[in-house]
PDB file of all heavy atoms in Angstrom:
ATOM      1  N   ALA A   1       6.916 -39.037  12.245  1.00  0.00           N
ATOM      2  CA  ALA A   1       7.415 -37.821  11.650  1.00  0.00           C
ATOM      3  C   ALA A   1       8.843 -37.531  12.069  1.00  0.00           C
ATOM      4  O   ALA A   1       9.583 -36.836  11.357  1.00  0.00           O
ATOM      5  CB  ALA A   1       6.507 -36.644  12.202  1.00  0.00           C
ATOM      6  N   ARG A   2       9.271 -38.102  13.198  1.00  0.00           N
ATOM      7  CA  ARG A   2      10.619 -37.883  13.667  1.00  0.00           C
ATOM      8  C   ARG A   2      11.592 -39.008  13.111  1.00  0.00           C
ATOM      9  O   ARG A   2      12.709 -38.667  12.739  1.00  0.00           O
ATOM     10  CB  ARG A   2      10.665 -37.902  15.240  1.00  0.00           C
ATOM     11  CG  ARG A   2       9.992 -36.704  15.825  1.00  0.00           C
ATOM     12  CD  ARG A   2       9.765 -36.825  17.296  1.00  0.00           C
ATOM     13  NE  ARG A   2      10.983 -37.195  18.072  1.00  0.00           N
ATOM     14  CZ  ARG A   2      10.928 -37.483  19.249  1.00  0.00           C
ATOM     15  NH1 ARG A   2       9.835 -37.525  19.961  1.00  0.00           N
ATOM     16  NH2 ARG A   2      12.067 -37.829  19.861  1.00  0.00           N
ATOM     17  N   HIS A   3      11.208 -40.219  13.199  1.00  0.00           N
ATOM     18  CA  HIS A   3      12.061 -41.361  12.750  1.00  0.00           C
ATOM     19  C   HIS A   3      11.891 -41.759  11.340  1.00  0.00           C
ATOM     20  O   HIS A   3      12.781 -42.385  10.767  1.00  0.00           O
ATOM     21  CB  HIS A   3      12.054 -42.524  13.663  1.00  0.00           C
ATOM     22  CG  HIS A   3      10.682 -43.277  13.706  1.00  0.00           C
ATOM     23  ND1 HIS A   3      10.108 -43.840  12.627  1.00  0.00           N
ATOM     24  CD2 HIS A   3       9.872 -43.447  14.774  1.00  0.00           C
ATOM     25  CE1 HIS A   3       9.000 -44.459  13.015  1.00  0.00           C
ATOM     26  NE2 HIS A   3       8.834 -44.179  14.275  1.00  0.00           N
ATOM     27  N   ARG A   4      10.787 -41.328  10.640  1.00  0.00           N
ATOM     28  CA  ARG A   4      10.523 -41.535   9.226  1.00  0.00           C
ATOM     29  C   ARG A   4      10.552 -42.931   8.785  1.00  0.00           C
ATOM     30  O   ARG A   4      10.918 -43.283   7.654  1.00  0.00           O
ATOM     31  CB  ARG A   4      11.612 -40.706   8.375  1.00  0.00           C
ATOM     32  CG  ARG A   4      11.602 -39.215   8.710  1.00  0.00           C
ATOM     33  CD  ARG A   4      10.504 -38.489   8.116  1.00  0.00           C
ATOM     34  NE  ARG A   4      10.516 -38.622   6.732  1.00  0.00           N
ATOM     35  CZ  ARG A   4       9.673 -37.955   5.917  1.00  0.00           C
ATOM     36  NH1 ARG A   4       8.830 -37.117   6.372  1.00  0.00           N
ATOM     37  NH2 ARG A   4       9.761 -38.088   4.568  1.00  0.00           N
ATOM     38  N   ARG A   5      10.123 -43.886   9.609  1.00  0.00           N
ATOM     39  CA  ARG A   5       9.944 -45.275   9.278  1.00  0.00           C
ATOM     40  C   ARG A   5       8.512 -45.761   9.658  1.00  0.00           C
ATOM     41  O   ARG A   5       7.926 -45.187  10.526  1.00  0.00           O
ATOM     42  CB  ARG A   5      10.938 -46.134  10.063  1.00  0.00           C
ATOM     43  CG  ARG A   5      12.359 -45.890   9.693  1.00  0.00           C
ATOM     44  CD  ARG A   5      13.234 -46.829  10.425  1.00  0.00           C
ATOM     45  NE  ARG A   5      13.171 -46.635  11.875  1.00  0.00           N
ATOM     46  CZ  ARG A   5      14.201 -46.186  12.622  1.00  0.00           C
ATOM     47  NH1 ARG A   5      15.333 -45.983  12.116  1.00  0.00           N
ATOM     48  NH2 ARG A   5      14.038 -46.046  13.907  1.00  0.00           N
ATOM     49  N   PRO A   6       7.994 -46.695   8.903  1.00  0.00           N
ATOM     50  CA  PRO A   6       6.760 -47.309   9.307  1.00  0.00           C
ATOM     51  C   PRO A   6       6.738 -47.884  10.773  1.00  0.00           C
ATOM     52  O   PRO A   6       7.670 -48.654  11.004  1.00  0.00           O
ATOM     53  CB  PRO A   6       6.464 -48.369   8.242  1.00  0.00           C
ATOM     54  CG  PRO A   6       7.418 -48.160   7.177  1.00  0.00           C
ATOM     55  CD  PRO A   6       8.555 -47.435   7.782  1.00  0.00           C
ATOM     56  N   SER A   7       5.885 -47.417  11.548  1.00  0.00           N
ATOM     57  CA  SER A   7       5.905 -47.922  12.972  1.00  0.00           C
ATOM     58  C   SER A   7       5.756 -49.409  13.042  1.00  0.00           C
ATOM     59  O   SER A   7       6.197 -49.998  14.164  1.00  0.00           O
ATOM     60  CB  SER A   7       4.824 -47.214  13.826  1.00  0.00           C
ATOM     61  OG  SER A   7       5.087 -45.847  13.811  1.00  0.00           O
ATOM     62  N   ARG A   8       5.158 -49.960  12.144  1.00  0.00           N
ATOM     63  CA  ARG A   8       5.010 -51.432  12.134  1.00  0.00           C
ATOM     64  C   ARG A   8       6.215 -52.307  11.872  1.00  0.00           C
ATOM     65  O   ARG A   8       6.310 -53.393  12.066  1.00  0.00           O
ATOM     66  CB  ARG A   8       3.798 -51.844  11.246  1.00  0.00           C
ATOM     67  CG  ARG A   8       2.487 -51.360  11.779  1.00  0.00           C
ATOM     68  CD  ARG A   8       1.295 -51.603  10.804  1.00  0.00           C
ATOM     69  NE  ARG A   8       1.300 -50.885   9.551  1.00  0.00           N
ATOM     70  CZ  ARG A   8       0.972 -49.596   9.406  1.00  0.00           C
ATOM     71  NH1 ARG A   8       0.710 -48.874  10.483  1.00  0.00           N
ATOM     72  NH2 ARG A   8       0.938 -49.063   8.309  1.00  0.00           N
ATOM     73  N   ASP A   9       7.168 -51.581  11.275  1.00  0.00           N
ATOM     74  CA  ASP A   9       8.461 -52.266  10.923  1.00  0.00           C
ATOM     75  C   ASP A   9       9.681 -51.290  11.072  1.00  0.00           C
ATOM     76  O   ASP A   9      10.098 -50.743  10.097  1.00  0.00           O
ATOM     77  CB  ASP A   9       8.404 -52.827   9.492  1.00  0.00           C
ATOM     78  CG  ASP A   9       9.636 -53.753   9.222  1.00  0.00           C
ATOM     79  OD1 ASP A   9      10.490 -53.817  10.075  1.00  0.00           O
ATOM     80  OD2 ASP A   9       9.748 -54.167   8.084  1.00  0.00           O
ATOM     81  N   LEU A  10      10.080 -51.100  12.290  1.00  0.00           N
ATOM     82  CA  LEU A  10      11.161 -50.118  12.548  1.00  0.00           C
ATOM     83  C   LEU A  10      12.544 -50.605  12.075  1.00  0.00           C
ATOM     84  O   LEU A  10      13.559 -49.939  12.179  1.00  0.00           O
ATOM     85  CB  LEU A  10      11.237 -49.788  14.057  1.00  0.00           C
ATOM     86  CG  LEU A  10      10.018 -49.053  14.619  1.00  0.00           C
ATOM     87  CD1 LEU A  10      10.088 -48.887  16.074  1.00  0.00           C
ATOM     88  CD2 LEU A  10       9.792 -47.777  13.903  1.00  0.00           C
ATOM     89  N   THR A  11      12.594 -51.883  11.482  1.00  0.00           N
ATOM     90  CA  THR A  11      13.797 -52.281  10.993  1.00  0.00           C
ATOM     91  C   THR A  11      14.105 -51.749   9.601  1.00  0.00           C
ATOM     92  O   THR A  11      15.244 -51.830   9.068  1.00  0.00           O
ATOM     93  CB  THR A  11      13.833 -53.864  10.916  1.00  0.00           C
ATOM     94  OG1 THR A  11      12.823 -54.312   9.968  1.00  0.00           O
ATOM     95  CG2 THR A  11      13.661 -54.514  12.209  1.00  0.00           C
ATOM     96  N   GLN A  12      13.065 -51.169   8.956  1.00  0.00           N
ATOM     97  CA  GLN A  12      13.238 -50.529   7.632  1.00  0.00           C
ATOM     98  C   GLN A  12      14.098 -49.253   7.760  1.00  0.00           C
ATOM     99  O   GLN A  12      14.034 -48.609   8.760  1.00  0.00           O
ATOM    100  CB  GLN A  12      11.910 -50.238   7.013  1.00  0.00           C
ATOM    101  CG  GLN A  12      11.092 -51.449   6.624  1.00  0.00           C
ATOM    102  CD  GLN A  12       9.851 -51.008   5.843  1.00  0.00           C
ATOM    103  OE1 GLN A  12       9.845 -50.037   5.186  1.00  0.00           O
ATOM    104  NE2 GLN A  12       8.804 -51.771   5.911  1.00  0.00           N
ATOM    105  N   ALA A  13      14.735 -48.979   6.682  1.00  0.00           N
ATOM    106  CA  ALA A  13      15.553 -47.802   6.645  1.00  0.00           C
ATOM    107  C   ALA A  13      14.608 -46.532   6.625  1.00  0.00           C
ATOM    108  O   ALA A  13      13.480 -46.614   6.107  1.00  0.00           O
ATOM    109  CB  ALA A  13      16.439 -47.695   5.441  1.00  0.00           C
ATOM    110  N   PRO A  14      14.989 -45.482   7.321  1.00  0.00           N
ATOM    111  CA  PRO A  14      14.125 -44.225   7.255  1.00  0.00           C
ATOM    112  C   PRO A  14      13.857 -43.803   5.766  1.00  0.00           C
ATOM    113  O   PRO A  14      14.765 -43.934   4.941  1.00  0.00           O
ATOM    114  CB  PRO A  14      14.914 -43.107   7.966  1.00  0.00           C
ATOM    115  CG  PRO A  14      15.925 -43.925   8.768  1.00  0.00           C
ATOM    116  CD  PRO A  14      16.154 -45.213   8.077  1.00  0.00           C
ATOM    117  N   HIS A  15      12.653 -43.345   5.582  1.00  0.00           N
ATOM    118  CA  HIS A  15      12.323 -42.783   4.283  1.00  0.00           C
ATOM    119  C   HIS A  15      12.593 -41.249   4.298  1.00  0.00           C
ATOM    120  O   HIS A  15      11.945 -40.509   5.069  1.00  0.00           O
ATOM    121  CB  HIS A  15      10.824 -43.013   3.929  1.00  0.00           C
ATOM    122  CG  HIS A  15      10.422 -42.241   2.734  1.00  0.00           C
ATOM    123  ND1 HIS A  15      10.745 -42.722   1.431  1.00  0.00           N
ATOM    124  CD2 HIS A  15       9.697 -41.131   2.591  1.00  0.00           C
ATOM    125  CE1 HIS A  15      10.161 -41.840   0.564  1.00  0.00           C
ATOM    126  NE2 HIS A  15       9.627 -40.891   1.236  1.00  0.00           N
ATOM    127  N   GLY A  16      13.569 -40.782   3.627  1.00  0.00           N
ATOM    128  CA  GLY A  16      13.854 -39.378   3.617  1.00  0.00           C
ATOM    129  C   GLY A  16      14.261 -38.781   5.009  1.00  0.00           C
ATOM    130  O   GLY A  16      13.609 -37.824   5.490  1.00  0.00           O
ATOM    131  N   PRO A  17      15.250 -39.281   5.619  1.00  0.00           N
ATOM    132  CA  PRO A  17      15.540 -38.892   6.978  1.00  0.00           C
ATOM    133  C   PRO A  17      15.891 -37.473   7.098  1.00  0.00           C
ATOM    134  O   PRO A  17      15.683 -36.882   8.187  1.00  0.00           O
ATOM    135  CB  PRO A  17      16.821 -39.774   7.372  1.00  0.00           C
ATOM    136  CG  PRO A  17      17.344 -40.221   6.046  1.00  0.00           C
ATOM    137  CD  PRO A  17      16.211 -40.372   5.116  1.00  0.00           C
ATOM    138  N   GLU A  18      16.370 -36.819   6.023  1.00  0.00           N
ATOM    139  CA  GLU A  18      16.589 -35.360   6.042  1.00  0.00           C
ATOM    140  C   GLU A  18      15.286 -34.569   6.142  1.00  0.00           C
ATOM    141  O   GLU A  18      15.333 -33.394   6.506  1.00  0.00           O
ATOM    142  CB  GLU A  18      17.354 -34.961   4.812  1.00  0.00           C
ATOM    143  CG  GLU A  18      16.523 -34.980   3.516  1.00  0.00           C
ATOM    144  CD  GLU A  18      16.289 -36.351   2.891  1.00  0.00           C
ATOM    145  OE1 GLU A  18      16.791 -37.367   3.421  1.00  0.00           O
ATOM    146  OE2 GLU A  18      15.569 -36.382   1.865  1.00  0.00           O
ATOM    147  N   GLN A  19      14.138 -35.226   6.009  1.00  0.00           N
ATOM    148  CA  GLN A  19      12.873 -34.554   6.162  1.00  0.00           C
ATOM    149  C   GLN A  19      12.221 -34.742   7.535  1.00  0.00           C
ATOM    150  O   GLN A  19      11.112 -34.324   7.790  1.00  0.00           O
ATOM    151  CB  GLN A  19      11.918 -35.072   5.101  1.00  0.00           C
ATOM    152  CG  GLN A  19      12.295 -34.805   3.697  1.00  0.00           C
ATOM    153  CD  GLN A  19      12.362 -33.270   3.404  1.00  0.00           C
ATOM    154  OE1 GLN A  19      11.609 -32.479   3.854  1.00  0.00           O
ATOM    155  NE2 GLN A  19      13.440 -32.809   2.671  1.00  0.00           N
ATOM    156  N   ALA A  20      13.011 -35.420   8.459  1.00  0.00           N
ATOM    157  CA  ALA A  20      12.450 -35.691   9.797  1.00  0.00           C
ATOM    158  C   ALA A  20      12.219 -34.285  10.499  1.00  0.00           C
ATOM    159  O   ALA A  20      12.977 -33.296  10.415  1.00  0.00           O
ATOM    160  CB  ALA A  20      13.470 -36.474  10.590  1.00  0.00           C
ATOM    161  N   LEU A  21      11.087 -34.284  11.347  1.00  0.00           N
ATOM    162  CA  LEU A  21      10.846 -33.181  12.202  1.00  0.00           C
ATOM    163  C   LEU A  21      11.515 -33.384  13.492  1.00  0.00           C
ATOM    164  O   LEU A  21      11.798 -34.502  13.933  1.00  0.00           O
ATOM    165  CB  LEU A  21       9.264 -32.996  12.388  1.00  0.00           C
ATOM    166  CG  LEU A  21       8.476 -32.754  11.089  1.00  0.00           C
ATOM    167  CD1 LEU A  21       7.084 -32.614  11.449  1.00  0.00           C
ATOM    168  CD2 LEU A  21       8.972 -31.557  10.411  1.00  0.00           C
ATOM    169  N   THR A  22      11.759 -32.286  14.216  1.00  0.00           N
ATOM    170  CA  THR A  22      12.320 -32.378  15.611  1.00  0.00           C
ATOM    171  C   THR A  22      11.101 -32.798  16.523  1.00  0.00           C
ATOM    172  O   THR A  22       9.882 -32.713  16.132  1.00  0.00           O
ATOM    173  CB  THR A  22      12.843 -31.018  16.077  1.00  0.00           C
ATOM    174  OG1 THR A  22      11.749 -30.069  16.157  1.00  0.00           O
ATOM    175  CG2 THR A  22      13.909 -30.492  15.087  1.00  0.00           C
ATOM    176  N   ALA A  23      11.473 -33.105  17.722  1.00  0.00           N
ATOM    177  CA  ALA A  23      10.330 -33.479  18.654  1.00  0.00           C
ATOM    178  C   ALA A  23       9.418 -32.366  18.850  1.00  0.00           C
ATOM    179  O   ALA A  23       8.217 -32.507  18.908  1.00  0.00           O
ATOM    180  CB  ALA A  23      11.056 -33.896  19.999  1.00  0.00           C
ATOM    181  N   LEU A  24       9.887 -31.128  18.928  1.00  0.00           N
ATOM    182  CA  LEU A  24       9.010 -29.960  19.124  1.00  0.00           C
ATOM    183  C   LEU A  24       8.176 -29.688  17.922  1.00  0.00           C
ATOM    184  O   LEU A  24       6.935 -29.419  17.998  1.00  0.00           O
ATOM    185  CB  LEU A  24       9.829 -28.757  19.507  1.00  0.00           C
ATOM    186  CG  LEU A  24       9.040 -27.412  19.744  1.00  0.00           C
ATOM    187  CD1 LEU A  24       8.013 -27.645  20.849  1.00  0.00           C
ATOM    188  CD2 LEU A  24       9.948 -26.263  19.980  1.00  0.00           C
ATOM    189  N   GLN A  25       8.716 -29.821  16.771  1.00  0.00           N
ATOM    190  CA  GLN A  25       7.996 -29.568  15.535  1.00  0.00           C
ATOM    191  C   GLN A  25       6.869 -30.640  15.387  1.00  0.00           C
ATOM    192  O   GLN A  25       5.763 -30.292  14.987  1.00  0.00           O
ATOM    193  CB  GLN A  25       8.903 -29.648  14.298  1.00  0.00           C
ATOM    194  CG  GLN A  25       9.844 -28.510  14.164  1.00  0.00           C
ATOM    195  CD  GLN A  25      10.971 -28.719  13.109  1.00  0.00           C
ATOM    196  OE1 GLN A  25      11.267 -29.933  12.785  1.00  0.00           O
ATOM    197  NE2 GLN A  25      11.444 -27.667  12.542  1.00  0.00           N
ATOM    198  N   ALA A  26       7.129 -31.875  15.746  1.00  0.00           N
ATOM    199  CA  ALA A  26       6.127 -32.953  15.664  1.00  0.00           C
ATOM    200  C   ALA A  26       4.966 -32.632  16.666  1.00  0.00           C
ATOM    201  O   ALA A  26       3.807 -32.827  16.363  1.00  0.00           O
ATOM    202  CB  ALA A  26       6.723 -34.326  15.980  1.00  0.00           C
ATOM    203  N   LEU A  27       5.311 -32.278  17.838  1.00  0.00           N
ATOM    204  CA  LEU A  27       4.289 -31.882  18.847  1.00  0.00           C
ATOM    205  C   LEU A  27       3.462 -30.700  18.375  1.00  0.00           C
ATOM    206  O   LEU A  27       2.270 -30.687  18.484  1.00  0.00           O
ATOM    207  CB  LEU A  27       4.934 -31.551  20.200  1.00  0.00           C
ATOM    208  CG  LEU A  27       3.990 -31.134  21.367  1.00  0.00           C
ATOM    209  CD1 LEU A  27       2.989 -32.231  21.611  1.00  0.00           C
ATOM    210  CD2 LEU A  27       4.745 -30.792  22.533  1.00  0.00           C
TER     211      LEU A  27
END
């Protein structure tokens, strides 16, 4: 929810990075 990439392939570009949640919002 914070980095907006599939955890299995962090080399991919984020999907909609402007939609990322902050650490507190994710918690």
